[in-house]
């Protein structure tokens, strides 16, 4: 699980947290290296980012 927040949540490993700016919007960008045919024929799509309220 990957966490996006201005401050690292308690119990979250440093490598699983991406720091964001407080009160600012952000967006995610995915980069694929050597994607498989399922990406091009759209039979595979990434899941939506889901907000979570509980801590680990």
C-alpha atoms as a PDB file:
ATOM      1  CA  UNK A   1       0.000   0.000   0.000  1.00  0.00           C
ATOM      2  CA  UNK A   2       1.235   3.477  -0.879  1.00  0.00           C
ATOM      3  CA  UNK A   3       0.291   6.520   1.222  1.00  0.00           C
ATOM      4  CA  UNK A   4       0.059  10.126  -0.032  1.00  0.00           C
ATOM      5  CA  UNK A   5      -0.004  12.709   2.793  1.00  0.00           C
ATOM      6  CA  UNK A   6       1.753  15.901   3.984  1.00  0.00           C
ATOM      7  CA  UNK A   7       3.184  14.025   6.994  1.00  0.00           C
ATOM      8  CA  UNK A   8       4.117  10.362   7.243  1.00  0.00           C
ATOM      9  CA  UNK A   9       1.347   8.436   9.036  1.00  0.00           C
ATOM     10  CA  UNK A  10       2.410   6.536  12.137  1.00  0.00           C
ATOM     11  CA  UNK A  11       3.263   2.940  11.353  1.00  0.00           C
ATOM     12  CA  UNK A  12       3.881   3.564   7.638  1.00  0.00           C
ATOM     13  CA  UNK A  13       7.316   2.636   6.300  1.00  0.00           C
ATOM     14  CA  UNK A  14       9.239   5.572   4.785  1.00  0.00           C
ATOM     15  CA  UNK A  15       9.334   3.919   1.340  1.00  0.00           C
ATOM     16  CA  UNK A  16       5.523   3.531   1.264  1.00  0.00           C
ATOM     17  CA  UNK A  17       4.801   7.246   1.819  1.00  0.00           C
ATOM     18  CA  UNK A  18       4.856  10.049  -0.759  1.00  0.00           C
ATOM     19  CA  UNK A  19       4.922  13.519   0.769  1.00  0.00           C
ATOM     20  CA  UNK A  20       2.377  16.017  -0.579  1.00  0.00           C
ATOM     21  CA  UNK A  21       1.974  19.726   0.106  1.00  0.00           C
ATOM     22  CA  UNK A  22      -0.739  20.578   2.636  1.00  0.00           C
ATOM     23  CA  UNK A  23      -3.823  22.285   1.163  1.00  0.00           C
ATOM     24  CA  UNK A  24      -2.572  21.722  -2.401  1.00  0.00           C
ATOM     25  CA  UNK A  25      -3.875  19.438  -5.134  1.00  0.00           C
ATOM     26  CA  UNK A  26      -1.754  16.654  -6.619  1.00  0.00           C
ATOM     27  CA  UNK A  27      -2.073  14.121  -9.406  1.00  0.00           C
ATOM     28  CA  UNK A  28      -0.569  10.743 -10.128  1.00  0.00           C
ATOM     29  CA  UNK A  29       1.313   9.834 -13.299  1.00  0.00           C
ATOM     30  CA  UNK A  30       2.032   6.230 -14.266  1.00  0.00           C
ATOM     31  CA  UNK A  31       4.971   5.392 -16.470  1.00  0.00           C
ATOM     32  CA  UNK A  32       5.121   1.986 -18.110  1.00  0.00           C
ATOM     33  CA  UNK A  33       8.309   0.501 -19.510  1.00  0.00           C
ATOM     34  CA  UNK A  34       7.766  -2.187 -22.137  1.00  0.00           C
ATOM     35  CA  UNK A  35       3.988  -2.504 -21.584  1.00  0.00           C
ATOM     36  CA  UNK A  36       2.336  -5.758 -22.539  1.00  0.00           C
ATOM     37  CA  UNK A  37      -0.318  -6.046 -25.290  1.00  0.00           C
ATOM     38  CA  UNK A  38      -3.122  -5.893 -22.678  1.00  0.00           C
ATOM     39  CA  UNK A  39      -2.214  -2.255 -22.071  1.00  0.00           C
ATOM     40  CA  UNK A  40      -2.597  -1.336 -25.738  1.00  0.00           C
ATOM     41  CA  UNK A  41      -5.827  -3.254 -26.362  1.00  0.00           C
ATOM     42  CA  UNK A  42      -7.193  -1.820 -23.085  1.00  0.00           C
ATOM     43  CA  UNK A  43      -8.053  -5.219 -21.609  1.00  0.00           C
ATOM     44  CA  UNK A  44      -6.007  -4.105 -18.569  1.00  0.00           C
ATOM     45  CA  UNK A  45      -6.415  -0.759 -16.823  1.00  0.00           C
ATOM     46  CA  UNK A  46      -5.034   0.370 -13.459  1.00  0.00           C
ATOM     47  CA  UNK A  47      -7.421   0.624 -10.524  1.00  0.00           C
ATOM     48  CA  UNK A  48      -8.603   3.995  -9.262  1.00  0.00           C
ATOM     49  CA  UNK A  49      -6.805   5.587  -6.326  1.00  0.00           C
ATOM     50  CA  UNK A  50      -9.028   5.124  -3.288  1.00  0.00           C
ATOM     51  CA  UNK A  51      -9.009   7.434  -0.263  1.00  0.00           C
ATOM     52  CA  UNK A  52      -8.500   5.794   3.110  1.00  0.00           C
ATOM     53  CA  UNK A  53      -9.309   7.224   6.490  1.00  0.00           C
ATOM     54  CA  UNK A  54      -7.984   4.535   8.824  1.00  0.00           C
ATOM     55  CA  UNK A  55      -4.317   4.238   9.688  1.00  0.00           C
ATOM     56  CA  UNK A  56      -2.331   1.007   9.360  1.00  0.00           C
END
